[in-house]
Amino acid sequence: MKRGLTIVLAVVAVILIAVFGGKAIMDNIFPQADGIIAYGEKQQIDAVLKNHAKQIAASDVFAIKTADADGKKIMYLSQKTIDALIQKKLLTKVNEDGNTETLLSLPPVSEGEGLLFAKQEADKVIGSKSTLPVKYEGNIIIGDGRAYVDVFVVLEDSHWQALQEKEKTMAVMKTKKNAERLMGTFEVETQQLVSVK
């Protein structure tokens, strides 16, 4: 009898927590993404921001450049853009053991040399229109994975401006409600869930 009562009370407690406070508890245990990064053409990103304005609490838009070379897609980011991503705690370093940690800073970018974030070390990156010397900084990703490209290269702002590669747009959006519900509703090249600080 006591065992049956204990089970009933436990089930009632679980139901009450789920109805009245479970979301806050579950968000602390299993945090949900509260943001999305969308990548694509400027017109695509502008349309997403306009069409979903009611669901977006805040957004930042960044110009990026991309290239396809040797079967890999490369993203070129300016120092200004990477600093903004660091401030939002969106860069993650993947350690050799597979564990991850949020990246809080980077060394300064040297003029004429980029910083390389990739799975494999290299001293240069061959893009579709240029070859750049780079300094390998490790297996660093945006958010929790490589959603759009295989390789990231960070360049000093004026070097990035002069780079002759395809210009694209990246929008970091913090959503008002569960970001997962918006996934797949954007007409962009790709998108990824993230936690925006």
N, C-alpha and C. Protein backbone atom coordinates (compact mmCIF):
# COMPACT_ATOMS: atom_id res chain seq x y z
N MET A 1 0.83 -1.20 0.00
CA MET A 1 0.00 0.00 0.00
C MET A 1 0.87 1.26 0.00
N LYS A 2 1.89 1.28 0.90
CA LYS A 2 2.76 2.45 0.97
C LYS A 2 3.54 2.63 -0.33
N ARG A 3 3.95 1.53 -0.91
CA ARG A 3 4.72 1.60 -2.15
C ARG A 3 3.85 2.17 -3.28
N GLY A 4 2.60 1.74 -3.36
CA GLY A 4 1.68 2.26 -4.37
C GLY A 4 1.43 3.74 -4.19
N LEU A 5 1.27 4.18 -2.94
CA LEU A 5 1.07 5.59 -2.65
C LEU A 5 2.31 6.41 -3.03
N THR A 6 3.49 5.87 -2.76
CA THR A 6 4.74 6.55 -3.10
C THR A 6 4.85 6.74 -4.61
N ILE A 7 4.50 5.72 -5.35
CA ILE A 7 4.56 5.80 -6.82
C ILE A 7 3.57 6.84 -7.33
N VAL A 8 2.36 6.84 -6.80
CA VAL A 8 1.34 7.81 -7.22
C VAL A 8 1.81 9.23 -6.90
N LEU A 9 2.36 9.44 -5.70
CA LEU A 9 2.85 10.77 -5.33
C LEU A 9 4.01 11.21 -6.22
N ALA A 10 4.88 10.29 -6.56
CA ALA A 10 6.01 10.61 -7.44
C ALA A 10 5.51 11.02 -8.83
N VAL A 11 4.53 10.30 -9.35
CA VAL A 11 3.97 10.63 -10.66
C VAL A 11 3.29 12.01 -10.61
N VAL A 12 2.54 12.28 -9.55
CA VAL A 12 1.88 13.58 -9.40
C VAL A 12 2.93 14.69 -9.31
N ALA A 13 4.02 14.46 -8.57
CA ALA A 13 5.08 15.45 -8.45
C ALA A 13 5.72 15.74 -9.81
N VAL A 14 5.96 14.70 -10.56
CA VAL A 14 6.55 14.88 -11.90
C VAL A 14 5.60 15.69 -12.79
N ILE A 15 4.33 15.38 -12.74
CA ILE A 15 3.35 16.11 -13.55
C ILE A 15 3.29 17.57 -13.13
N LEU A 16 3.28 17.84 -11.83
CA LEU A 16 3.24 19.22 -11.35
C LEU A 16 4.49 19.99 -11.76
N ILE A 17 5.63 19.36 -11.65
CA ILE A 17 6.88 20.02 -12.07
C ILE A 17 6.84 20.31 -13.55
N ALA A 18 6.36 19.34 -14.31
CA ALA A 18 6.30 19.52 -15.77
C ALA A 18 5.35 20.66 -16.15
N VAL A 19 4.23 20.76 -15.46
CA VAL A 19 3.23 21.77 -15.80
C VAL A 19 3.64 23.16 -15.29
N PHE A 20 4.09 23.25 -14.05
CA PHE A 20 4.29 24.55 -13.43
C PHE A 20 5.73 25.04 -13.38
N GLY A 21 6.69 24.18 -13.40
CA GLY A 21 8.06 24.68 -13.28
C GLY A 21 9.08 23.82 -13.97
N GLY A 22 8.63 22.83 -14.65
CA GLY A 22 9.55 21.90 -15.29
C GLY A 22 10.38 22.53 -16.38
N LYS A 23 9.79 23.51 -17.07
CA LYS A 23 10.54 24.13 -18.16
C LYS A 23 11.79 24.81 -17.62
N ALA A 24 11.66 25.56 -16.56
CA ALA A 24 12.83 26.25 -15.99
C ALA A 24 13.85 25.23 -15.48
N ILE A 25 13.37 24.18 -14.86
CA ILE A 25 14.27 23.15 -14.36
C ILE A 25 14.95 22.44 -15.52
N MET A 26 14.18 22.06 -16.53
CA MET A 26 14.75 21.36 -17.68
C MET A 26 15.72 22.25 -18.46
N ASP A 27 15.42 23.56 -18.56
CA ASP A 27 16.33 24.47 -19.26
C ASP A 27 17.67 24.58 -18.54
N ASN A 28 17.65 24.46 -17.21
CA ASN A 28 18.91 24.48 -16.46
C ASN A 28 19.69 23.19 -16.64
N ILE A 29 18.99 22.08 -16.72
CA ILE A 29 19.65 20.79 -16.88
C ILE A 29 20.06 20.58 -18.33
N PHE A 30 19.14 20.83 -19.25
CA PHE A 30 19.37 20.67 -20.68
C PHE A 30 19.05 21.99 -21.38
N PRO A 31 20.01 22.93 -21.41
CA PRO A 31 19.71 24.23 -22.00
C PRO A 31 19.35 24.11 -23.48
N GLN A 32 18.34 24.85 -23.89
CA GLN A 32 17.92 24.85 -25.28
C GLN A 32 18.54 26.03 -26.01
N ALA A 33 18.77 25.85 -27.28
CA ALA A 33 19.30 26.94 -28.09
C ALA A 33 18.29 28.08 -28.11
N ASP A 34 18.80 29.28 -27.95
CA ASP A 34 17.93 30.45 -27.98
C ASP A 34 18.24 31.33 -29.19
N GLY A 35 19.00 30.76 -30.12
CA GLY A 35 19.36 31.55 -31.29
C GLY A 35 19.64 30.70 -32.51
N ILE A 36 19.73 31.39 -33.63
CA ILE A 36 20.02 30.74 -34.91
C ILE A 36 21.03 31.61 -35.65
N ILE A 37 21.97 30.96 -36.31
CA ILE A 37 22.82 31.66 -37.25
C ILE A 37 22.38 31.21 -38.64
N ALA A 38 22.08 32.18 -39.49
CA ALA A 38 21.68 31.90 -40.87
C ALA A 38 22.77 32.43 -41.80
N TYR A 39 23.09 31.64 -42.82
CA TYR A 39 24.13 31.99 -43.80
C TYR A 39 23.51 32.02 -45.18
N GLY A 40 23.89 33.01 -45.99
CA GLY A 40 23.41 33.04 -47.35
C GLY A 40 23.67 34.36 -48.04
N GLU A 41 22.93 34.61 -49.09
CA GLU A 41 23.02 35.87 -49.82
C GLU A 41 22.39 36.97 -48.97
N LYS A 42 22.82 38.19 -49.18
CA LYS A 42 22.31 39.32 -48.40
C LYS A 42 20.79 39.42 -48.50
N GLN A 43 20.25 39.23 -49.71
CA GLN A 43 18.81 39.32 -49.91
C GLN A 43 18.07 38.25 -49.10
N GLN A 44 18.63 37.04 -49.02
CA GLN A 44 18.02 35.97 -48.24
C GLN A 44 17.97 36.34 -46.76
N ILE A 45 19.08 36.86 -46.25
CA ILE A 45 19.16 37.21 -44.83
C ILE A 45 18.22 38.37 -44.53
N ASP A 46 18.19 39.38 -45.40
CA ASP A 46 17.27 40.51 -45.21
C ASP A 46 15.83 40.04 -45.16
N ALA A 47 15.47 39.09 -46.02
CA ALA A 47 14.10 38.55 -46.03
C ALA A 47 13.79 37.81 -44.74
N VAL A 48 14.74 37.03 -44.23
CA VAL A 48 14.53 36.31 -42.96
C VAL A 48 14.28 37.31 -41.84
N LEU A 49 15.10 38.35 -41.75
CA LEU A 49 14.96 39.33 -40.68
C LEU A 49 13.63 40.07 -40.78
N LYS A 50 13.19 40.34 -41.99
CA LYS A 50 11.91 41.04 -42.19
C LYS A 50 10.72 40.11 -41.90
N ASN A 51 10.75 38.92 -42.47
CA ASN A 51 9.61 38.00 -42.35
C ASN A 51 9.45 37.39 -40.96
N HIS A 52 10.52 37.37 -40.18
CA HIS A 52 10.45 36.74 -38.85
C HIS A 52 10.73 37.74 -37.74
N ALA A 53 10.52 39.01 -38.01
CA ALA A 53 10.83 40.07 -37.04
C ALA A 53 10.12 39.85 -35.70
N LYS A 54 8.91 39.33 -35.72
CA LYS A 54 8.15 39.13 -34.48
C LYS A 54 8.75 38.04 -33.60
N GLN A 55 9.48 37.09 -34.20
CA GLN A 55 10.06 36.00 -33.43
C GLN A 55 11.50 36.28 -33.00
N ILE A 56 12.10 37.34 -33.51
CA ILE A 56 13.51 37.64 -33.24
C ILE A 56 13.62 38.75 -32.21
N ALA A 57 14.32 38.46 -31.11
CA ALA A 57 14.51 39.45 -30.05
C ALA A 57 15.66 40.40 -30.38
N ALA A 58 16.70 39.90 -31.01
CA ALA A 58 17.86 40.72 -31.37
C ALA A 58 18.60 40.04 -32.52
N SER A 59 19.28 40.83 -33.32
CA SER A 59 20.05 40.25 -34.42
C SER A 59 21.27 41.11 -34.74
N ASP A 60 22.29 40.45 -35.22
CA ASP A 60 23.50 41.10 -35.72
C ASP A 60 23.81 40.48 -37.07
N VAL A 61 24.13 41.33 -38.04
CA VAL A 61 24.40 40.87 -39.39
C VAL A 61 25.85 41.18 -39.73
N PHE A 62 26.54 40.19 -40.30
CA PHE A 62 27.95 40.33 -40.64
C PHE A 62 28.18 39.91 -42.08
N ALA A 63 29.05 40.65 -42.75
CA ALA A 63 29.49 40.27 -44.09
C ALA A 63 30.61 39.25 -43.92
N ILE A 64 30.57 38.21 -44.71
CA ILE A 64 31.61 37.19 -44.73
C ILE A 64 31.97 36.94 -46.18
N LYS A 65 33.08 36.26 -46.41
CA LYS A 65 33.45 35.87 -47.77
C LYS A 65 33.70 34.37 -47.77
N THR A 66 33.39 33.74 -48.90
CA THR A 66 33.55 32.29 -49.00
C THR A 66 34.27 31.91 -50.29
N ALA A 67 34.84 30.73 -50.26
CA ALA A 67 35.48 30.16 -51.45
C ALA A 67 35.37 28.65 -51.37
N ASP A 68 35.39 28.00 -52.52
CA ASP A 68 35.43 26.54 -52.60
C ASP A 68 36.75 26.17 -53.25
N ALA A 69 37.53 25.34 -52.56
CA ALA A 69 38.82 24.92 -53.11
C ALA A 69 39.18 23.55 -52.56
N ASP A 70 39.70 22.71 -53.41
CA ASP A 70 40.13 21.35 -53.03
C ASP A 70 39.05 20.58 -52.28
N GLY A 71 37.80 20.75 -52.70
CA GLY A 71 36.71 20.02 -52.08
C GLY A 71 36.31 20.54 -50.71
N LYS A 72 36.84 21.69 -50.30
CA LYS A 72 36.51 22.26 -49.00
C LYS A 72 35.93 23.65 -49.20
N LYS A 73 35.02 24.01 -48.31
CA LYS A 73 34.46 25.34 -48.33
C LYS A 73 35.15 26.16 -47.24
N ILE A 74 35.58 27.37 -47.62
CA ILE A 74 36.35 28.25 -46.73
C ILE A 74 35.51 29.48 -46.43
N MET A 75 35.51 29.92 -45.17
CA MET A 75 34.88 31.17 -44.79
C MET A 75 35.97 32.12 -44.32
N TYR A 76 35.94 33.34 -44.87
CA TYR A 76 36.87 34.39 -44.45
C TYR A 76 36.10 35.38 -43.59
N LEU A 77 36.62 35.62 -42.39
CA LEU A 77 36.00 36.55 -41.44
C LEU A 77 36.96 37.69 -41.13
N SER A 78 36.42 38.88 -40.95
CA SER A 78 37.24 40.01 -40.56
C SER A 78 37.51 39.96 -39.06
N GLN A 79 38.53 40.67 -38.62
CA GLN A 79 38.84 40.75 -37.18
C GLN A 79 37.63 41.31 -36.42
N LYS A 80 36.97 42.30 -37.00
CA LYS A 80 35.81 42.91 -36.35
C LYS A 80 34.69 41.88 -36.14
N THR A 81 34.45 41.05 -37.15
CA THR A 81 33.41 40.02 -37.05
C THR A 81 33.77 38.97 -36.01
N ILE A 82 35.02 38.51 -36.02
CA ILE A 82 35.40 37.46 -35.07
C ILE A 82 35.35 37.98 -33.64
N ASP A 83 35.70 39.26 -33.45
CA ASP A 83 35.60 39.86 -32.11
C ASP A 83 34.16 39.88 -31.62
N ALA A 84 33.21 40.18 -32.51
CA ALA A 84 31.79 40.17 -32.15
C ALA A 84 31.32 38.76 -31.80
N LEU A 85 31.79 37.75 -32.53
CA LEU A 85 31.41 36.36 -32.23
C LEU A 85 32.00 35.91 -30.90
N ILE A 86 33.21 36.36 -30.59
CA ILE A 86 33.82 36.03 -29.29
C ILE A 86 33.01 36.68 -28.17
N GLN A 87 32.62 37.92 -28.36
CA GLN A 87 31.84 38.63 -27.34
C GLN A 87 30.52 37.92 -27.07
N LYS A 88 29.93 37.34 -28.10
CA LYS A 88 28.68 36.60 -27.94
C LYS A 88 28.91 35.15 -27.49
N LYS A 89 30.17 34.81 -27.25
CA LYS A 89 30.57 33.48 -26.80
C LYS A 89 30.10 32.39 -27.77
N LEU A 90 30.28 32.66 -29.06
CA LEU A 90 29.87 31.72 -30.10
C LEU A 90 31.00 30.88 -30.66
N LEU A 91 32.25 31.16 -30.26
CA LEU A 91 33.36 30.34 -30.75
C LEU A 91 33.68 29.26 -29.74
N THR A 92 33.87 28.06 -30.25
CA THR A 92 34.13 26.89 -29.40
C THR A 92 35.39 26.20 -29.89
N LYS A 93 36.28 25.90 -28.96
CA LYS A 93 37.49 25.15 -29.29
C LYS A 93 37.23 23.67 -29.00
N VAL A 94 37.51 22.83 -29.98
CA VAL A 94 37.38 21.38 -29.81
C VAL A 94 38.76 20.85 -29.46
N ASN A 95 38.89 20.30 -28.26
CA ASN A 95 40.18 19.76 -27.80
C ASN A 95 40.43 18.39 -28.40
N GLU A 96 41.67 17.92 -28.28
CA GLU A 96 42.04 16.62 -28.85
C GLU A 96 41.21 15.47 -28.30
N ASP A 97 40.76 15.59 -27.05
CA ASP A 97 39.96 14.52 -26.45
C ASP A 97 38.48 14.61 -26.84
N GLY A 98 38.12 15.61 -27.66
CA GLY A 98 36.74 15.76 -28.11
C GLY A 98 35.91 16.69 -27.24
N ASN A 99 36.43 17.04 -26.06
CA ASN A 99 35.72 17.99 -25.20
C ASN A 99 35.81 19.39 -25.80
N THR A 100 34.87 20.24 -25.45
CA THR A 100 34.86 21.59 -26.00
C THR A 100 34.92 22.63 -24.89
N GLU A 101 35.38 23.82 -25.27
CA GLU A 101 35.39 24.95 -24.34
C GLU A 101 35.14 26.22 -25.14
N THR A 102 34.44 27.16 -24.50
CA THR A 102 34.16 28.44 -25.14
C THR A 102 35.45 29.23 -25.26
N LEU A 103 35.67 29.79 -26.42
CA LEU A 103 36.87 30.58 -26.67
C LEU A 103 36.59 32.03 -26.26
N LEU A 104 37.42 32.57 -25.39
CA LEU A 104 37.20 33.91 -24.87
C LEU A 104 38.10 34.97 -25.49
N SER A 105 39.14 34.56 -26.20
CA SER A 105 40.02 35.52 -26.85
C SER A 105 40.84 34.82 -27.93
N LEU A 106 41.43 35.64 -28.78
CA LEU A 106 42.31 35.15 -29.84
C LEU A 106 43.53 36.06 -29.89
N PRO A 107 44.64 35.54 -30.40
CA PRO A 107 45.79 36.43 -30.60
C PRO A 107 45.45 37.44 -31.71
N PRO A 108 46.12 38.58 -31.72
CA PRO A 108 45.84 39.54 -32.78
C PRO A 108 46.20 38.98 -34.15
N VAL A 109 45.49 39.43 -35.15
CA VAL A 109 45.74 38.99 -36.51
C VAL A 109 46.86 39.84 -37.10
N SER A 110 47.87 39.20 -37.66
CA SER A 110 48.98 39.92 -38.28
C SER A 110 48.59 40.38 -39.67
N GLU A 111 49.11 41.51 -40.08
CA GLU A 111 48.85 42.00 -41.43
C GLU A 111 49.50 41.05 -42.43
N GLY A 112 48.74 40.62 -43.41
CA GLY A 112 49.26 39.74 -44.44
C GLY A 112 49.21 38.26 -44.09
N GLU A 113 48.77 37.93 -42.87
CA GLU A 113 48.67 36.52 -42.46
C GLU A 113 47.34 36.33 -41.74
N GLY A 114 46.65 35.25 -42.04
CA GLY A 114 45.39 34.98 -41.39
C GLY A 114 45.53 33.97 -40.27
N LEU A 115 44.48 33.87 -39.46
CA LEU A 115 44.39 32.83 -38.44
C LEU A 115 43.51 31.72 -39.00
N LEU A 116 43.97 30.49 -38.91
CA LEU A 116 43.25 29.35 -39.46
C LEU A 116 42.59 28.55 -38.36
N PHE A 117 41.28 28.30 -38.52
CA PHE A 117 40.51 27.42 -37.64
C PHE A 117 40.07 26.24 -38.50
N ALA A 118 40.61 25.07 -38.21
CA ALA A 118 40.30 23.89 -39.03
C ALA A 118 40.62 22.63 -38.23
N LYS A 119 40.16 21.50 -38.72
CA LYS A 119 40.48 20.23 -38.08
C LYS A 119 41.94 19.87 -38.27
N GLN A 120 42.48 20.25 -39.43
CA GLN A 120 43.87 19.88 -39.74
C GLN A 120 44.73 21.13 -39.87
N GLU A 121 45.94 21.02 -39.39
CA GLU A 121 46.89 22.12 -39.42
C GLU A 121 47.38 22.37 -40.85
N ALA A 122 47.62 23.65 -41.16
CA ALA A 122 48.17 24.04 -42.46
C ALA A 122 48.86 25.39 -42.28
N ASP A 123 49.77 25.73 -43.20
CA ASP A 123 50.45 27.02 -43.13
C ASP A 123 49.99 27.96 -44.24
N LYS A 124 49.10 27.47 -45.10
CA LYS A 124 48.51 28.33 -46.13
C LYS A 124 47.13 27.79 -46.50
N VAL A 125 46.29 28.69 -47.00
CA VAL A 125 44.97 28.32 -47.46
C VAL A 125 44.86 28.76 -48.91
N ILE A 126 44.49 27.82 -49.76
CA ILE A 126 44.35 28.11 -51.18
C ILE A 126 42.86 28.29 -51.47
N GLY A 127 42.46 29.53 -51.74
CA GLY A 127 41.09 29.83 -52.06
C GLY A 127 40.85 29.73 -53.55
N SER A 128 39.71 30.19 -54.01
CA SER A 128 39.41 30.12 -55.44
C SER A 128 40.18 31.17 -56.22
N LYS A 129 40.57 32.27 -55.55
CA LYS A 129 41.26 33.35 -56.26
C LYS A 129 42.58 33.76 -55.62
N SER A 130 42.91 33.19 -54.48
CA SER A 130 44.13 33.62 -53.80
C SER A 130 44.67 32.53 -52.88
N THR A 131 45.96 32.65 -52.58
CA THR A 131 46.61 31.79 -51.60
C THR A 131 47.06 32.68 -50.45
N LEU A 132 46.69 32.30 -49.23
CA LEU A 132 47.00 33.12 -48.07
C LEU A 132 47.87 32.36 -47.07
N PRO A 133 48.93 33.00 -46.55
CA PRO A 133 49.65 32.39 -45.44
C PRO A 133 48.79 32.48 -44.18
N VAL A 134 48.79 31.43 -43.38
CA VAL A 134 47.97 31.41 -42.17
C VAL A 134 48.75 30.84 -40.99
N LYS A 135 48.29 31.20 -39.81
CA LYS A 135 48.82 30.64 -38.56
C LYS A 135 47.70 29.77 -37.98
N TYR A 136 47.99 28.49 -37.79
CA TYR A 136 46.97 27.55 -37.29
C TYR A 136 46.68 27.83 -35.83
N GLU A 137 45.39 28.01 -35.50
CA GLU A 137 44.97 28.29 -34.13
C GLU A 137 44.16 27.16 -33.51
N GLY A 138 43.96 26.07 -34.23
CA GLY A 138 43.28 24.93 -33.65
C GLY A 138 41.94 24.63 -34.30
N ASN A 139 41.30 23.61 -33.76
CA ASN A 139 40.00 23.16 -34.25
C ASN A 139 38.93 24.00 -33.56
N ILE A 140 38.66 25.14 -34.13
CA ILE A 140 37.70 26.08 -33.55
C ILE A 140 36.49 26.15 -34.46
N ILE A 141 35.30 26.14 -33.84
CA ILE A 141 34.05 26.11 -34.59
C ILE A 141 33.14 27.24 -34.11
N ILE A 142 32.14 27.55 -34.90
CA ILE A 142 31.11 28.50 -34.49
C ILE A 142 29.95 27.69 -33.93
N GLY A 143 29.54 28.02 -32.71
CA GLY A 143 28.46 27.27 -32.07
C GLY A 143 28.94 25.87 -31.70
N ASP A 144 28.14 24.87 -32.05
CA ASP A 144 28.47 23.49 -31.69
C ASP A 144 28.96 22.66 -32.86
N GLY A 145 29.18 23.28 -34.03
CA GLY A 145 29.63 22.47 -35.15
C GLY A 145 29.98 23.30 -36.37
N ARG A 146 30.48 22.62 -37.37
CA ARG A 146 30.80 23.25 -38.65
C ARG A 146 29.58 23.11 -39.56
N ALA A 147 28.69 24.08 -39.49
CA ALA A 147 27.44 23.98 -40.22
C ALA A 147 27.54 24.44 -41.67
N TYR A 148 28.43 25.37 -41.96
CA TYR A 148 28.42 26.01 -43.28
C TYR A 148 29.70 25.76 -44.06
N VAL A 149 30.82 25.71 -43.37
CA VAL A 149 32.11 25.58 -44.05
C VAL A 149 32.99 24.57 -43.32
N ASP A 150 34.09 24.20 -43.98
CA ASP A 150 35.06 23.27 -43.39
C ASP A 150 36.19 24.00 -42.68
N VAL A 151 36.49 25.22 -43.15
CA VAL A 151 37.66 25.96 -42.70
C VAL A 151 37.28 27.42 -42.49
N PHE A 152 37.77 28.02 -41.40
CA PHE A 152 37.59 29.45 -41.14
C PHE A 152 38.95 30.13 -41.19
N VAL A 153 39.01 31.29 -41.83
CA VAL A 153 40.22 32.10 -41.85
C VAL A 153 39.85 33.50 -41.38
N VAL A 154 40.56 33.99 -40.36
CA VAL A 154 40.33 35.35 -39.85
C VAL A 154 41.42 36.24 -40.40
N LEU A 155 41.00 37.38 -40.96
CA LEU A 155 41.94 38.33 -41.56
C LEU A 155 41.80 39.70 -40.91
N GLU A 156 42.90 40.44 -40.93
CA GLU A 156 42.87 41.83 -40.48
C GLU A 156 41.85 42.56 -41.35
N ASP A 157 41.12 43.52 -40.79
CA ASP A 157 39.97 44.13 -41.46
C ASP A 157 40.27 44.65 -42.87
N SER A 158 41.36 45.38 -43.06
CA SER A 158 41.65 45.93 -44.38
C SER A 158 42.04 44.82 -45.37
N HIS A 159 42.71 43.79 -44.88
CA HIS A 159 43.05 42.63 -45.74
C HIS A 159 41.78 41.90 -46.15
N TRP A 160 40.84 41.76 -45.22
CA TRP A 160 39.55 41.12 -45.53
C TRP A 160 38.82 41.92 -46.61
N GLN A 161 38.79 43.26 -46.46
CA GLN A 161 38.10 44.12 -47.43
C GLN A 161 38.66 43.92 -48.84
N ALA A 162 39.98 43.78 -48.94
CA ALA A 162 40.64 43.68 -50.24
C ALA A 162 40.55 42.28 -50.85
N LEU A 163 40.19 41.29 -50.06
CA LEU A 163 40.13 39.91 -50.53
C LEU A 163 39.07 39.75 -51.63
N GLN A 164 39.44 39.13 -52.72
CA GLN A 164 38.54 38.95 -53.86
C GLN A 164 37.91 37.55 -53.83
N GLU A 165 36.96 37.35 -52.95
CA GLU A 165 36.20 36.10 -52.89
C GLU A 165 34.71 36.45 -52.81
N LYS A 166 33.84 35.44 -52.92
CA LYS A 166 32.40 35.67 -52.92
C LYS A 166 31.94 36.24 -51.58
N GLU A 167 31.20 37.34 -51.62
CA GLU A 167 30.68 37.91 -50.39
C GLU A 167 29.32 37.31 -50.07
N LYS A 168 29.16 36.90 -48.84
CA LYS A 168 27.91 36.35 -48.33
C LYS A 168 27.54 37.09 -47.05
N THR A 169 26.46 36.69 -46.42
CA THR A 169 26.01 37.34 -45.20
C THR A 169 25.70 36.29 -44.15
N MET A 170 26.01 36.64 -42.90
CA MET A 170 25.73 35.78 -41.75
C MET A 170 24.93 36.61 -40.76
N ALA A 171 23.81 36.08 -40.29
CA ALA A 171 23.00 36.76 -39.27
C ALA A 171 22.95 35.91 -38.01
N VAL A 172 23.29 36.53 -36.89
CA VAL A 172 23.18 35.88 -35.58
C VAL A 172 21.91 36.44 -34.95
N MET A 173 20.94 35.55 -34.72
CA MET A 173 19.64 35.98 -34.21
C MET A 173 19.32 35.33 -32.88
N LYS A 174 18.96 36.14 -31.91
CA LYS A 174 18.46 35.62 -30.64
C LYS A 174 16.94 35.63 -30.75
N THR A 175 16.33 34.49 -30.49
CA THR A 175 14.88 34.37 -30.67
C THR A 175 14.14 34.63 -29.37
N LYS A 176 12.87 35.01 -29.51
CA LYS A 176 12.04 35.27 -28.33
C LYS A 176 11.58 33.98 -27.67
N LYS A 177 11.39 32.94 -28.48
CA LYS A 177 10.97 31.64 -27.97
C LYS A 177 11.94 30.59 -28.48
N ASN A 178 11.64 29.35 -28.25
CA ASN A 178 12.49 28.24 -28.64
C ASN A 178 12.92 28.35 -30.11
N ALA A 179 14.21 28.51 -30.31
CA ALA A 179 14.75 28.70 -31.65
C ALA A 179 14.54 27.47 -32.54
N GLU A 180 14.45 26.31 -31.93
CA GLU A 180 14.30 25.08 -32.70
C GLU A 180 13.03 25.10 -33.56
N ARG A 181 12.02 25.80 -33.11
CA ARG A 181 10.77 25.87 -33.88
C ARG A 181 10.94 26.61 -35.20
N LEU A 182 11.93 27.49 -35.27
CA LEU A 182 12.16 28.26 -36.50
C LEU A 182 13.08 27.54 -37.48
N MET A 183 13.79 26.53 -37.00
CA MET A 183 14.73 25.82 -37.88
C MET A 183 13.98 25.24 -39.08
N GLY A 184 14.56 25.46 -40.26
CA GLY A 184 13.98 24.95 -41.48
C GLY A 184 12.96 25.87 -42.11
N THR A 185 12.62 26.98 -41.44
CA THR A 185 11.64 27.90 -42.01
C THR A 185 12.30 29.03 -42.79
N PHE A 186 13.62 29.14 -42.71
CA PHE A 186 14.34 30.21 -43.41
C PHE A 186 14.78 29.71 -44.78
N GLU A 187 14.62 30.55 -45.78
CA GLU A 187 15.09 30.22 -47.13
C GLU A 187 16.49 30.81 -47.29
N VAL A 188 17.48 30.09 -46.76
CA VAL A 188 18.88 30.50 -46.78
C VAL A 188 19.73 29.30 -47.19
N GLU A 189 21.04 29.54 -47.35
CA GLU A 189 21.92 28.44 -47.75
C GLU A 189 22.03 27.40 -46.64
N THR A 190 22.19 27.84 -45.41
CA THR A 190 22.16 26.92 -44.26
C THR A 190 21.92 27.72 -43.00
N GLN A 191 21.60 26.99 -41.93
CA GLN A 191 21.34 27.60 -40.63
C GLN A 191 21.75 26.64 -39.54
N GLN A 192 22.04 27.19 -38.36
CA GLN A 192 22.39 26.34 -37.24
C GLN A 192 21.86 26.92 -35.95
N LEU A 193 21.49 26.04 -35.03
CA LEU A 193 21.05 26.45 -33.70
C LEU A 193 22.26 26.82 -32.86
N VAL A 194 22.14 27.88 -32.05
CA VAL A 194 23.20 28.30 -31.15
C VAL A 194 22.59 28.87 -29.88
N SER A 195 23.43 28.99 -28.87
CA SER A 195 23.04 29.73 -27.66
C SER A 195 23.75 31.07 -27.71
N VAL A 196 22.97 32.14 -27.74
CA VAL A 196 23.52 33.49 -27.88
C VAL A 196 23.60 34.15 -26.52
N LYS A 197 24.75 34.68 -26.21
CA LYS A 197 24.93 35.39 -24.92
C LYS A 197 24.72 36.86 -25.09
